Structure formats: structure tokens, C-alpha cells
C-alpha atoms as a PDB file:
ATOM      1  CA  UNK A   1      63.208 196.264 -21.664  1.00  0.00           C
ATOM      2  CA  UNK A   2      61.713 193.932 -24.323  1.00  0.00           C
ATOM      3  CA  UNK A   3      59.853 191.144 -23.099  1.00  0.00           C
ATOM      4  CA  UNK A   4      60.400 187.830 -24.964  1.00  0.00           C
ATOM      5  CA  UNK A   5      57.198 186.142 -23.734  1.00  0.00           C
ATOM      6  CA  UNK A   6      55.343 183.488 -26.011  1.00  0.00           C
ATOM      7  CA  UNK A   7      52.034 182.355 -25.118  1.00  0.00           C
ATOM      8  CA  UNK A   8      51.438 178.516 -24.625  1.00  0.00           C
ATOM      9  CA  UNK A   9      48.528 175.901 -23.974  1.00  0.00           C
ATOM     10  CA  UNK A  10      48.393 172.767 -22.204  1.00  0.00           C
ATOM     11  CA  UNK A  11      46.031 169.929 -22.565  1.00  0.00           C
ATOM     12  CA  UNK A  12      42.775 170.796 -20.921  1.00  0.00           C
ATOM     13  CA  UNK A  13      40.587 173.663 -19.838  1.00  0.00           C
ATOM     14  CA  UNK A  14      38.954 172.810 -16.478  1.00  0.00           C
ATOM     15  CA  UNK A  15      37.088 169.447 -16.900  1.00  0.00           C
ATOM     16  CA  UNK A  16      36.551 169.904 -20.467  1.00  0.00           C
ATOM     17  CA  UNK A  17      38.383 168.872 -23.404  1.00  0.00           C
ATOM     18  CA  UNK A  18      40.611 171.840 -24.680  1.00  0.00           C
ATOM     19  CA  UNK A  19      38.657 174.286 -26.897  1.00  0.00           C
ATOM     20  CA  UNK A  20      39.675 177.800 -26.217  1.00  0.00           C
ATOM     21  CA  UNK A  21      43.147 179.574 -25.559  1.00  0.00           C
ATOM     22  CA  UNK A  22      43.136 182.863 -23.952  1.00  0.00           C
ATOM     23  CA  UNK A  23      46.216 185.222 -23.842  1.00  0.00           C
ATOM     24  CA  UNK A  24      46.717 188.775 -22.954  1.00  0.00           C
ATOM     25  CA  UNK A  25      48.631 190.777 -26.048  1.00  0.00           C
ATOM     26  CA  UNK A  26      50.310 193.281 -23.605  1.00  0.00           C
ATOM     27  CA  UNK A  27      54.160 192.933 -23.710  1.00  0.00           C
ATOM     28  CA  UNK A  28      53.956 189.873 -26.072  1.00  0.00           C
ATOM     29  CA  UNK A  29      56.334 190.072 -29.031  1.00  0.00           C
ATOM     30  CA  UNK A  30      55.586 190.461 -32.490  1.00  0.00           C
ATOM     31  CA  UNK A  31      55.110 188.132 -34.264  1.00  0.00           C
ATOM     32  CA  UNK A  32      53.323 186.000 -31.721  1.00  0.00           C
ATOM     33  CA  UNK A  33      54.547 182.392 -31.071  1.00  0.00           C
ATOM     34  CA  UNK A  34      52.176 179.470 -29.962  1.00  0.00           C
ATOM     35  CA  UNK A  35      53.381 176.601 -28.118  1.00  0.00           C
ATOM     36  CA  UNK A  36      50.977 173.486 -27.967  1.00  0.00           C
ATOM     37  CA  UNK A  37      50.896 170.357 -25.503  1.00  0.00           C
ATOM     38  CA  UNK A  38      49.119 167.297 -27.124  1.00  0.00           C
ATOM     39  CA  UNK A  39      48.574 163.737 -26.460  1.00  0.00           C
ATOM     40  CA  UNK A  40      47.908 161.397 -29.287  1.00  0.00           C
ATOM     41  CA  UNK A  41      46.209 158.177 -29.363  1.00  0.00           C
ATOM     42  CA  UNK A  42      46.266 155.153 -31.714  1.00  0.00           C
ATOM     43  CA  UNK A  43      43.042 153.305 -31.641  1.00  0.00           C
ATOM     44  CA  UNK A  44      43.694 151.613 -34.862  1.00  0.00           C
ATOM     45  CA  UNK A  45      44.477 147.993 -35.319  1.00  0.00           C
ATOM     46  CA  UNK A  46      47.978 148.556 -37.016  1.00  0.00           C
ATOM     47  CA  UNK A  47      51.138 150.919 -36.606  1.00  0.00           C
ATOM     48  CA  UNK A  48      50.812 154.389 -37.534  1.00  0.00           C
ATOM     49  CA  UNK A  49      52.974 157.359 -38.210  1.00  0.00           C
ATOM     50  CA  UNK A  50      51.658 160.567 -36.942  1.00  0.00           C
ATOM     51  CA  UNK A  51      51.817 163.892 -38.210  1.00  0.00           C
ATOM     52  CA  UNK A  52      50.522 167.211 -36.573  1.00  0.00           C
ATOM     53  CA  UNK A  53      49.942 170.672 -38.102  1.00  0.00           C
ATOM     54  CA  UNK A  54      47.225 173.136 -38.307  1.00  0.00           C
ATOM     55  CA  UNK A  55      45.745 175.871 -40.483  1.00  0.00           C
ATOM     56  CA  UNK A  56      44.016 179.482 -39.926  1.00  0.00           C
ATOM     57  CA  UNK A  57      43.740 182.657 -41.634  1.00  0.00           C
ATOM     58  CA  UNK A  58      47.009 184.874 -40.850  1.00  0.00           C
ATOM     59  CA  UNK A  59      48.686 181.960 -39.192  1.00  0.00           C
ATOM     60  CA  UNK A  60      51.569 179.924 -40.261  1.00  0.00           C
ATOM     61  CA  UNK A  61      52.169 176.287 -38.674  1.00  0.00           C
ATOM     62  CA  UNK A  62      54.969 174.015 -38.668  1.00  0.00           C
ATOM     63  CA  UNK A  63      54.617 170.379 -39.701  1.00  0.00           C
ATOM     64  CA  UNK A  64      55.571 167.953 -36.687  1.00  0.00           C
ATOM     65  CA  UNK A  65      56.080 164.285 -37.484  1.00  0.00           C
ATOM     66  CA  UNK A  66      55.755 162.276 -34.408  1.00  0.00           C
ATOM     67  CA  UNK A  67      56.915 159.075 -35.600  1.00  0.00           C
ATOM     68  CA  UNK A  68      55.484 155.631 -35.099  1.00  0.00           C
ATOM     69  CA  UNK A  69      52.774 154.813 -32.606  1.00  0.00           C
ATOM     70  CA  UNK A  70      51.814 151.405 -32.157  1.00  0.00           C
ATOM     71  CA  UNK A  71      48.110 149.854 -31.944  1.00  0.00           C
ATOM     72  CA  UNK A  72      46.747 150.666 -28.771  1.00  0.00           C
ATOM     73  CA  UNK A  73      49.484 153.169 -27.740  1.00  0.00           C
ATOM     74  CA  UNK A  74      49.617 156.743 -26.950  1.00  0.00           C
ATOM     75  CA  UNK A  75      52.251 159.777 -26.940  1.00  0.00           C
ATOM     76  CA  UNK A  76      52.589 163.037 -25.356  1.00  0.00           C
ATOM     77  CA  UNK A  77      54.447 165.983 -27.174  1.00  0.00           C
ATOM     78  CA  UNK A  78      55.146 169.669 -26.838  1.00  0.00           C
ATOM     79  CA  UNK A  79      55.084 171.258 -29.893  1.00  0.00           C
ATOM     80  CA  UNK A  80      57.374 174.335 -29.228  1.00  0.00           C
ATOM     81  CA  UNK A  81      56.685 177.465 -31.531  1.00  0.00           C
ATOM     82  CA  UNK A  82      54.069 175.408 -33.304  1.00  0.00           C
ATOM     83  CA  UNK A  83      52.399 178.612 -35.036  1.00  0.00           C
ATOM     84  CA  UNK A  84      53.245 182.183 -35.437  1.00  0.00           C
ATOM     85  CA  UNK A  85      51.232 185.106 -36.709  1.00  0.00           C
ATOM     86  CA  UNK A  86      51.499 188.823 -36.668  1.00  0.00           C
ATOM     87  CA  UNK A  87      50.413 190.290 -33.511  1.00  0.00           C
ATOM     88  CA  UNK A  88      46.826 191.817 -33.572  1.00  0.00           C
ATOM     89  CA  UNK A  89      46.550 195.350 -32.572  1.00  0.00           C
ATOM     90  CA  UNK A  90      43.485 194.918 -30.348  1.00  0.00           C
ATOM     91  CA  UNK A  91      41.338 192.362 -28.738  1.00  0.00           C
ATOM     92  CA  UNK A  92      40.168 189.608 -31.038  1.00  0.00           C
ATOM     93  CA  UNK A  93      38.644 186.204 -31.164  1.00  0.00           C
ATOM     94  CA  UNK A  94      39.420 183.864 -33.831  1.00  0.00           C
ATOM     95  CA  UNK A  95      40.020 180.048 -34.684  1.00  0.00           C
ATOM     96  CA  UNK A  96      42.615 177.709 -35.695  1.00  0.00           C
ATOM     97  CA  UNK A  97      42.180 174.220 -36.634  1.00  0.00           C
ATOM     98  CA  UNK A  98      44.697 171.595 -35.290  1.00  0.00           C
ATOM     99  CA  UNK A  99      45.220 168.613 -37.635  1.00  0.00           C
ATOM    100  CA  UNK A 100      46.340 165.147 -36.919  1.00  0.00           C
ATOM    101  CA  UNK A 101      47.138 162.977 -39.828  1.00  0.00           C
ATOM    102  CA  UNK A 102      47.838 159.272 -39.624  1.00  0.00           C
ATOM    103  CA  UNK A 103      49.983 157.500 -42.075  1.00  0.00           C
ATOM    104  CA  UNK A 104      50.776 153.737 -42.643  1.00  0.00           C
ATOM    105  CA  UNK A 105      54.268 154.352 -43.828  1.00  0.00           C
ATOM    106  CA  UNK A 106      57.523 155.884 -42.288  1.00  0.00           C
ATOM    107  CA  UNK A 107      57.693 158.195 -45.465  1.00  0.00           C
ATOM    108  CA  UNK A 108      54.180 159.795 -44.638  1.00  0.00           C
ATOM    109  CA  UNK A 109      52.838 159.171 -48.183  1.00  0.00           C
ATOM    110  CA  UNK A 110      49.973 156.755 -47.598  1.00  0.00           C
ATOM    111  CA  UNK A 111      47.455 158.584 -45.575  1.00  0.00           C
ATOM    112  CA  UNK A 112      44.826 156.612 -43.697  1.00  0.00           C
ATOM    113  CA  UNK A 113      42.751 159.112 -41.652  1.00  0.00           C
ATOM    114  CA  UNK A 114      42.513 162.758 -40.536  1.00  0.00           C
ATOM    115  CA  UNK A 115      41.213 164.196 -37.519  1.00  0.00           C
ATOM    116  CA  UNK A 116      40.841 167.622 -36.648  1.00  0.00           C
ATOM    117  CA  UNK A 117      39.823 169.944 -33.897  1.00  0.00           C
ATOM    118  CA  UNK A 118      38.810 173.509 -34.020  1.00  0.00           C
ATOM    119  CA  UNK A 119      40.243 175.941 -31.258  1.00  0.00           C
ATOM    120  CA  UNK A 120      39.055 179.436 -30.350  1.00  0.00           C
ATOM    121  CA  UNK A 121      41.937 181.906 -29.604  1.00  0.00           C
ATOM    122  CA  UNK A 122      40.747 184.726 -27.256  1.00  0.00           C
ATOM    123  CA  UNK A 123      43.146 187.716 -27.376  1.00  0.00           C
ATOM    124  CA  UNK A 124      42.444 190.209 -24.864  1.00  0.00           C
ATOM    125  CA  UNK A 125      44.371 193.504 -24.382  1.00  0.00           C
ATOM    126  CA  UNK A 126      44.455 194.381 -20.665  1.00  0.00           C
ATOM    127  CA  UNK A 127      45.708 198.059 -21.472  1.00  0.00           C
ATOM    128  CA  UNK A 128      42.864 199.004 -23.671  1.00  0.00           C
ATOM    129  CA  UNK A 129      40.682 200.881 -20.843  1.00  0.00           C
ATOM    130  CA  UNK A 130      38.289 198.148 -20.330  1.00  0.00           C
ATOM    131  CA  UNK A 131      39.940 195.985 -17.648  1.00  0.00           C
ATOM    132  CA  UNK A 132      40.646 196.707 -14.175  1.00  0.00           C
ATOM    133  CA  UNK A 133      43.817 195.402 -12.694  1.00  0.00           C
ATOM    134  CA  UNK A 134      43.166 193.714  -9.423  1.00  0.00           C
ATOM    135  CA  UNK A 135      46.384 191.989  -8.476  1.00  0.00           C
ATOM    136  CA  UNK A 136      49.982 192.737  -9.666  1.00  0.00           C
ATOM    137  CA  UNK A 137      52.678 190.624  -8.173  1.00  0.00           C
ATOM    138  CA  UNK A 138      55.879 191.687  -9.667  1.00  0.00           C
ATOM    139  CA  UNK A 139      58.166 191.206  -6.436  1.00  0.00           C
ATOM    140  CA  UNK A 140      59.894 194.483  -7.006  1.00  0.00           C
ATOM    141  CA  UNK A 141      59.737 195.021  -3.313  1.00  0.00           C
ATOM    142  CA  UNK A 142      62.191 192.311  -2.832  1.00  0.00           C
ATOM    143  CA  UNK A 143      59.554 190.044  -1.153  1.00  0.00           C
ATOM    144  CA  UNK A 144      57.631 187.013  -2.321  1.00  0.00           C
ATOM    145  CA  UNK A 145      54.307 188.841  -1.827  1.00  0.00           C
ATOM    146  CA  UNK A 146      52.437 186.225  -0.149  1.00  0.00           C
ATOM    147  CA  UNK A 147      53.515 183.281  -2.362  1.00  0.00           C
ATOM    148  CA  UNK A 148      54.605 180.187  -0.530  1.00  0.00           C
ATOM    149  CA  UNK A 149      55.808 176.614  -1.745  1.00  0.00           C
ATOM    150  CA  UNK A 150      55.191 173.224  -0.744  1.00  0.00           C
ATOM    151  CA  UNK A 151      57.608 170.285  -1.115  1.00  0.00           C
ATOM    152  CA  UNK A 152      56.001 166.953  -1.748  1.00  0.00           C
ATOM    153  CA  UNK A 153      59.152 165.295  -3.022  1.00  0.00           C
ATOM    154  CA  UNK A 154      62.924 165.925  -3.044  1.00  0.00           C
ATOM    155  CA  UNK A 155      65.525 166.891  -0.508  1.00  0.00           C
ATOM    156  CA  UNK A 156      65.459 170.731  -0.332  1.00  0.00           C
ATOM    157  CA  UNK A 157      64.639 173.775  -2.151  1.00  0.00           C
ATOM    158  CA  UNK A 158      65.334 177.459  -2.241  1.00  0.00           C
ATOM    159  CA  UNK A 159      62.134 179.997  -2.593  1.00  0.00           C
ATOM    160  CA  UNK A 160      63.119 183.620  -2.851  1.00  0.00           C
ATOM    161  CA  UNK A 161      63.142 186.770  -5.302  1.00  0.00           C
ATOM    162  CA  UNK A 162      66.101 186.711  -7.890  1.00  0.00           C
ATOM    163  CA  UNK A 163      67.579 189.060 -10.361  1.00  0.00           C
ATOM    164  CA  UNK A 164      69.233 186.482 -12.743  1.00  0.00           C
ATOM    165  CA  UNK A 165      65.753 186.328 -15.094  1.00  0.00           C
ATOM    166  CA  UNK A 166      63.236 188.923 -14.704  1.00  0.00           C
ATOM    167  CA  UNK A 167      60.495 190.598 -16.731  1.00  0.00           C
ATOM    168  CA  UNK A 168      60.242 193.740 -14.468  1.00  0.00           C
ATOM    169  CA  UNK A 169      63.523 194.885 -13.037  1.00  0.00           C
ATOM    170  CA  UNK A 170      64.867 194.234 -10.229  1.00  0.00           C
ATOM    171  CA  UNK A 171      63.290 190.980  -9.236  1.00  0.00           C
ATOM    172  CA  UNK A 172      61.207 187.820 -10.052  1.00  0.00           C
ATOM    173  CA  UNK A 173      60.058 185.011  -7.801  1.00  0.00           C
ATOM    174  CA  UNK A 174      62.242 181.898  -7.960  1.00  0.00           C
ATOM    175  CA  UNK A 175      61.809 178.372  -7.028  1.00  0.00           C
ATOM    176  CA  UNK A 176      64.790 176.076  -7.124  1.00  0.00           C
ATOM    177  CA  UNK A 177      64.231 172.318  -6.398  1.00  0.00           C
ATOM    178  CA  UNK A 178      66.827 169.925  -5.554  1.00  0.00           C
ATOM    179  CA  UNK A 179      66.601 166.153  -6.530  1.00  0.00           C
ATOM    180  CA  UNK A 180      69.003 164.843  -4.163  1.00  0.00           C
ATOM    181  CA  UNK A 181      69.364 160.920  -3.782  1.00  0.00           C
ATOM    182  CA  UNK A 182      65.865 160.359  -4.812  1.00  0.00           C
ATOM    183  CA  UNK A 183      65.918 161.514  -8.371  1.00  0.00           C
ATOM    184  CA  UNK A 184      63.339 164.069  -8.178  1.00  0.00           C
ATOM    185  CA  UNK A 185      61.697 167.193  -6.811  1.00  0.00           C
ATOM    186  CA  UNK A 186      57.975 167.858  -6.801  1.00  0.00           C
ATOM    187  CA  UNK A 187      55.707 170.243  -5.333  1.00  0.00           C
ATOM    188  CA  UNK A 188      53.929 173.772  -5.943  1.00  0.00           C
ATOM    189  CA  UNK A 189      54.087 177.382  -5.387  1.00  0.00           C
ATOM    190  CA  UNK A 190      50.662 178.898  -4.241  1.00  0.00           C
ATOM    191  CA  UNK A 191      48.790 181.836  -2.927  1.00  0.00           C
ATOM    192  CA  UNK A 192      45.096 182.391  -1.994  1.00  0.00           C
ATOM    193  CA  UNK A 193      43.031 185.086  -3.756  1.00  0.00           C
ATOM    194  CA  UNK A 194      39.522 186.463  -3.218  1.00  0.00           C
ATOM    195  CA  UNK A 195      38.655 187.140  -6.797  1.00  0.00           C
ATOM    196  CA  UNK A 196      36.755 190.190  -7.876  1.00  0.00           C
ATOM    197  CA  UNK A 197      33.009 190.270  -8.183  1.00  0.00           C
ATOM    198  CA  UNK A 198      32.921 191.010 -12.110  1.00  0.00           C
ATOM    199  CA  UNK A 199      31.635 189.003 -14.815  1.00  0.00           C
ATOM    200  CA  UNK A 200      35.172 188.228 -16.394  1.00  0.00           C
ATOM    201  CA  UNK A 201      38.138 187.493 -14.504  1.00  0.00           C
ATOM    202  CA  UNK A 202      41.518 185.981 -15.642  1.00  0.00           C
ATOM    203  CA  UNK A 203      44.674 185.335 -14.042  1.00  0.00           C
ATOM    204  CA  UNK A 204      47.731 185.934 -16.214  1.00  0.00           C
ATOM    205  CA  UNK A 205      51.055 183.904 -15.541  1.00  0.00           C
ATOM    206  CA  UNK A 206      54.443 184.470 -16.969  1.00  0.00           C
ATOM    207  CA  UNK A 207      56.552 181.634 -16.223  1.00  0.00           C
ATOM    208  CA  UNK A 208      60.203 180.501 -17.115  1.00  0.00           C
ATOM    209  CA  UNK A 209      61.661 177.218 -16.401  1.00  0.00           C
ATOM    210  CA  UNK A 210      65.534 176.198 -16.280  1.00  0.00           C
ATOM    211  CA  UNK A 211      67.733 173.203 -14.948  1.00  0.00           C
ATOM    212  CA  UNK A 212      71.228 172.453 -13.980  1.00  0.00           C
ATOM    213  CA  UNK A 213      71.932 170.445 -17.163  1.00  0.00           C
ATOM    214  CA  UNK A 214      70.300 167.938 -19.521  1.00  0.00           C
ATOM    215  CA  UNK A 215      70.036 165.364 -16.857  1.00  0.00           C
ATOM    216  CA  UNK A 216      67.009 167.160 -15.124  1.00  0.00           C
ATOM    217  CA  UNK A 217      63.676 167.020 -16.811  1.00  0.00           C
ATOM    218  CA  UNK A 218      60.461 169.135 -16.230  1.00  0.00           C
ATOM    219  CA  UNK A 219      57.946 166.028 -16.512  1.00  0.00           C
ATOM    220  CA  UNK A 220      55.161 168.130 -15.534  1.00  0.00           C
ATOM    221  CA  UNK A 221      53.885 171.611 -15.167  1.00  0.00           C
ATOM    222  CA  UNK A 222      50.297 172.463 -14.309  1.00  0.00           C
ATOM    223  CA  UNK A 223      48.157 175.569 -13.224  1.00  0.00           C
ATOM    224  CA  UNK A 224      45.281 174.666 -10.844  1.00  0.00           C
ATOM    225  CA  UNK A 225      42.657 176.389  -9.052  1.00  0.00           C
ATOM    226  CA  UNK A 226      42.766 174.573  -5.518  1.00  0.00           C
ATOM    227  CA  UNK A 227      42.987 170.940  -7.274  1.00  0.00           C
ATOM    228  CA  UNK A 228      41.125 171.466 -10.271  1.00  0.00           C
ATOM    229  CA  UNK A 229      43.656 171.501 -13.396  1.00  0.00           C
ATOM    230  CA  UNK A 230      43.078 174.400 -15.685  1.00  0.00           C
ATOM    231  CA  UNK A 231      46.457 174.068 -17.748  1.00  0.00           C
ATOM    232  CA  UNK A 232      48.722 170.861 -17.872  1.00  0.00           C
ATOM    233  CA  UNK A 233      52.035 170.183 -19.718  1.00  0.00           C
ATOM    234  CA  UNK A 234      53.369 166.696 -19.732  1.00  0.00           C
ATOM    235  CA  UNK A 235      52.587 163.406 -17.780  1.00  0.00           C
ATOM    236  CA  UNK A 236      50.403 162.921 -14.826  1.00  0.00           C
ATOM    237  CA  UNK A 237      51.406 164.051 -11.462  1.00  0.00           C
ATOM    238  CA  UNK A 238      53.812 162.764 -10.093  1.00  0.00           C
ATOM    239  CA  UNK A 239      55.325 160.566 -12.643  1.00  0.00           C
ATOM    240  CA  UNK A 240      58.629 158.815 -12.660  1.00  0.00           C
ATOM    241  CA  UNK A 241      59.853 159.038 -16.537  1.00  0.00           C
ATOM    242  CA  UNK A 242      62.594 161.730 -17.049  1.00  0.00           C
ATOM    243  CA  UNK A 243      61.315 163.282 -20.021  1.00  0.00           C
ATOM    244  CA  UNK A 244      60.984 167.180 -20.502  1.00  0.00           C
ATOM    245  CA  UNK A 245      57.374 168.486 -21.427  1.00  0.00           C
ATOM    246  CA  UNK A 246      58.087 172.166 -20.937  1.00  0.00           C
ATOM    247  CA  UNK A 247      60.320 174.632 -22.953  1.00  0.00           C
ATOM    248  CA  UNK A 248      63.731 175.701 -20.986  1.00  0.00           C
ATOM    249  CA  UNK A 249      64.906 179.158 -21.008  1.00  0.00           C
ATOM    250  CA  UNK A 250      62.123 181.189 -22.422  1.00  0.00           C
ATOM    251  CA  UNK A 251      59.200 183.034 -20.872  1.00  0.00           C
ATOM    252  CA  UNK A 252      55.914 181.598 -21.565  1.00  0.00           C
ATOM    253  CA  UNK A 253      52.418 183.142 -20.875  1.00  0.00           C
ATOM    254  CA  UNK A 254      49.368 181.418 -19.447  1.00  0.00           C
ATOM    255  CA  UNK A 255      45.916 182.845 -19.141  1.00  0.00           C
ATOM    256  CA  UNK A 256      43.189 181.152 -17.218  1.00  0.00           C
ATOM    257  CA  UNK A 257      39.617 182.100 -16.395  1.00  0.00           C
ATOM    258  CA  UNK A 258      38.670 182.334 -12.772  1.00  0.00           C
ATOM    259  CA  UNK A 259      35.284 182.362 -11.090  1.00  0.00           C
ATOM    260  CA  UNK A 260      34.033 185.808  -9.769  1.00  0.00           C
ATOM    261  CA  UNK A 261      33.854 186.625  -6.045  1.00  0.00           C
ATOM    262  CA  UNK A 262      35.542 183.296  -4.958  1.00  0.00           C
ATOM    263  CA  UNK A 263      38.296 182.547  -2.336  1.00  0.00           C
ATOM    264  CA  UNK A 264      40.756 180.073  -4.104  1.00  0.00           C
ATOM    265  CA  UNK A 265      44.248 178.859  -4.031  1.00  0.00           C
ATOM    266  CA  UNK A 266      46.095 179.436  -7.391  1.00  0.00           C
ATOM    267  CA  UNK A 267      48.789 176.780  -7.564  1.00  0.00           C
ATOM    268  CA  UNK A 268      51.479 176.036  -9.871  1.00  0.00           C
ATOM    269  CA  UNK A 269      52.780 172.413  -9.786  1.00  0.00           C
ATOM    270  CA  UNK A 270      56.185 171.225 -10.986  1.00  0.00           C
ATOM    271  CA  UNK A 271      57.720 167.834 -11.202  1.00  0.00           C
ATOM    272  CA  UNK A 272      61.428 167.806 -11.941  1.00  0.00           C
ATOM    273  CA  UNK A 273      62.801 164.175 -12.463  1.00  0.00           C
ATOM    274  CA  UNK A 274      66.619 163.566 -12.823  1.00  0.00           C
ATOM    275  CA  UNK A 275      68.241 160.656 -14.484  1.00  0.00           C
ATOM    276  CA  UNK A 276      71.244 161.303 -12.114  1.00  0.00           C
ATOM    277  CA  UNK A 277      71.171 162.246  -8.645  1.00  0.00           C
ATOM    278  CA  UNK A 278      71.854 165.611  -7.232  1.00  0.00           C
ATOM    279  CA  UNK A 279      70.476 168.028  -9.669  1.00  0.00           C
ATOM    280  CA  UNK A 280      68.269 170.960  -9.674  1.00  0.00           C
ATOM    281  CA  UNK A 281      65.289 172.337 -11.596  1.00  0.00           C
ATOM    282  CA  UNK A 282      64.295 176.111 -11.474  1.00  0.00           C
ATOM    283  CA  UNK A 283      60.992 177.858 -12.071  1.00  0.00           C
ATOM    284  CA  UNK A 284      60.678 181.667 -12.092  1.00  0.00           C
ATOM    285  CA  UNK A 285      57.496 183.936 -12.338  1.00  0.00           C
ATOM    286  CA  UNK A 286      56.969 187.580 -12.606  1.00  0.00           C
ATOM    287  CA  UNK A 287      54.485 190.121 -13.293  1.00  0.00           C
ATOM    288  CA  UNK A 288      51.598 187.760 -12.222  1.00  0.00           C
ATOM    289  CA  UNK A 289      48.272 189.551 -12.535  1.00  0.00           C
ATOM    290  CA  UNK A 290      44.482 189.259 -11.848  1.00  0.00           C
ATOM    291  CA  UNK A 291      42.398 191.332 -14.317  1.00  0.00           C
ATOM    292  CA  UNK A 292      38.651 191.618 -14.422  1.00  0.00           C
ATOM    293  CA  UNK A 293      35.679 193.641 -16.047  1.00  0.00           C
ATOM    294  CA  UNK A 294      31.779 193.470 -16.370  1.00  0.00           C
END
């Protein structure tokens, strides 16, 4: 089975501003695709037209025109397939630069200022013999393997294994949240782990989002260690605006560092918001792993 998984990154890395992106090369496609979630502020005294692109050795980036942004306003945007590169053959750490340019005209010809941020890309290769696989939840025994869900808003949900979308046959884990008459479903799936007592520990999450129709939006998706956000896509949780901030119908990989020898609850929060009543949103997870090494 060929795995169609890209790696993605949200807005934050713990309590720090985003500086590093981690991913595992195993079973990623060639070429690699990077998705990026950003938030842009206009602290200037005039309306500006924002453009985002990037550069880095070996990478190709798309140019994204975000449109006008009034003085004092801000905007969030998910840049799907923001960058692409040939897949490295071994573990590698490199840098890319994400560039924000502000123009005073809608034609993007009158540049007022440029802001750049350098980001480390940390590619690991979990099958190179240096890593220990401490946890594998692939749900192939037909059970949820200790995962549970908490519903905080919405009328009902289904939480079980499924066969409609999988990375390793026959099963994946699937959450379906129904909005009902209150236009939303929000909650999280979670499991408690004792992390290994080794110097470097990562959790690897392969997730996929879906929905009944275009009226259902995934406003927020975040990965948390207990209540501490590690990665966030979209608006703050919860929120009422029906806008989608996470791609649908594709597998996306996120890798997050974890502390050593610590009992923690790993949680994946979602907030589905509908523009009409009685819709559902879906979240799949497969081949969840925790790996470590000294």
C-alpha cells in the first residue's frame, strides 16, 4: 500500500513561537509536501496586501496572495502544499525561510516592508536502526486500543474503528461528531502514556479529516500534552466562526517532541462548526507511534 501522507505544521511549538518542524520520513511520499498554518497581523497605519512565500535550498514554494488586511486587523490562513522538495534519503536537519511581504496596492507592485522567519526542519528516519518504537497503535486488532473521546459540545458522536480510510489495513480509528441543532461538535480524543526514559522522545500522528458536505467546517485542530498546545491549526478553541483551517480528504503527519519518563495525556482536539443544522465531521487516525532514543 502506498501511503499518501504529507507533513504539516501549525502555529506553535509548546509555549514558544514556531521555530522547528519535525517529521518522520518513513512512508512519506516523494516528493515531500509541506503544509503551513499561519497568522498575519497588520500593525501598520494603512491597509496592506499580504503575500507569503518561502525559500530554501532544494525547496520549491508557492506564492500565496492573502488579499487586503486593514490596519490593526489579523488573518489566519492554512497554506496547503506550501512547499515541496525531493525526499531525503536519510535523517537531516535544514532550514527554510518563510517570507511575508506587505504591499500598498492590490496588484502587489508597491512593496512597503518584508518580514522573514527562519525555521528548522528536522527530518528523522525511524527505521534507520537508531530508534526504539515504544508504542504502536494501528487498531488492526479491531479495537480502539485504549483511546477514548470526550464530547464537549454537539448532540452525539460515533467513536470506533473503521475500514473506509486506513494507512495499514484493515482498520483505523475514527471519530464522527454530529452537530445537531447547535451547529457544532467539539471535543477531543485522548490516551494516557508513560513516556520512555530516554533522551529524545517523539509522538508521530497521522490524521485525516472529512465532512458530510461543504456546510461543515473544521475550525480548530490541535495536539496537546495534557492541556498544553503543541500544534494548533485554526481559530482558538472553541470558536463560532464556520471556516475550515485544516485540509480535508488527505492524510497529514504531525510529529511532536515529548518529555522523557513522564505520565501524560496526549489529546487531539477538534471543533467542527456547521453553517446549517445536523451535519457531521470526521477525524481518522492510524499508525500512531511513540519512538525514542538516547
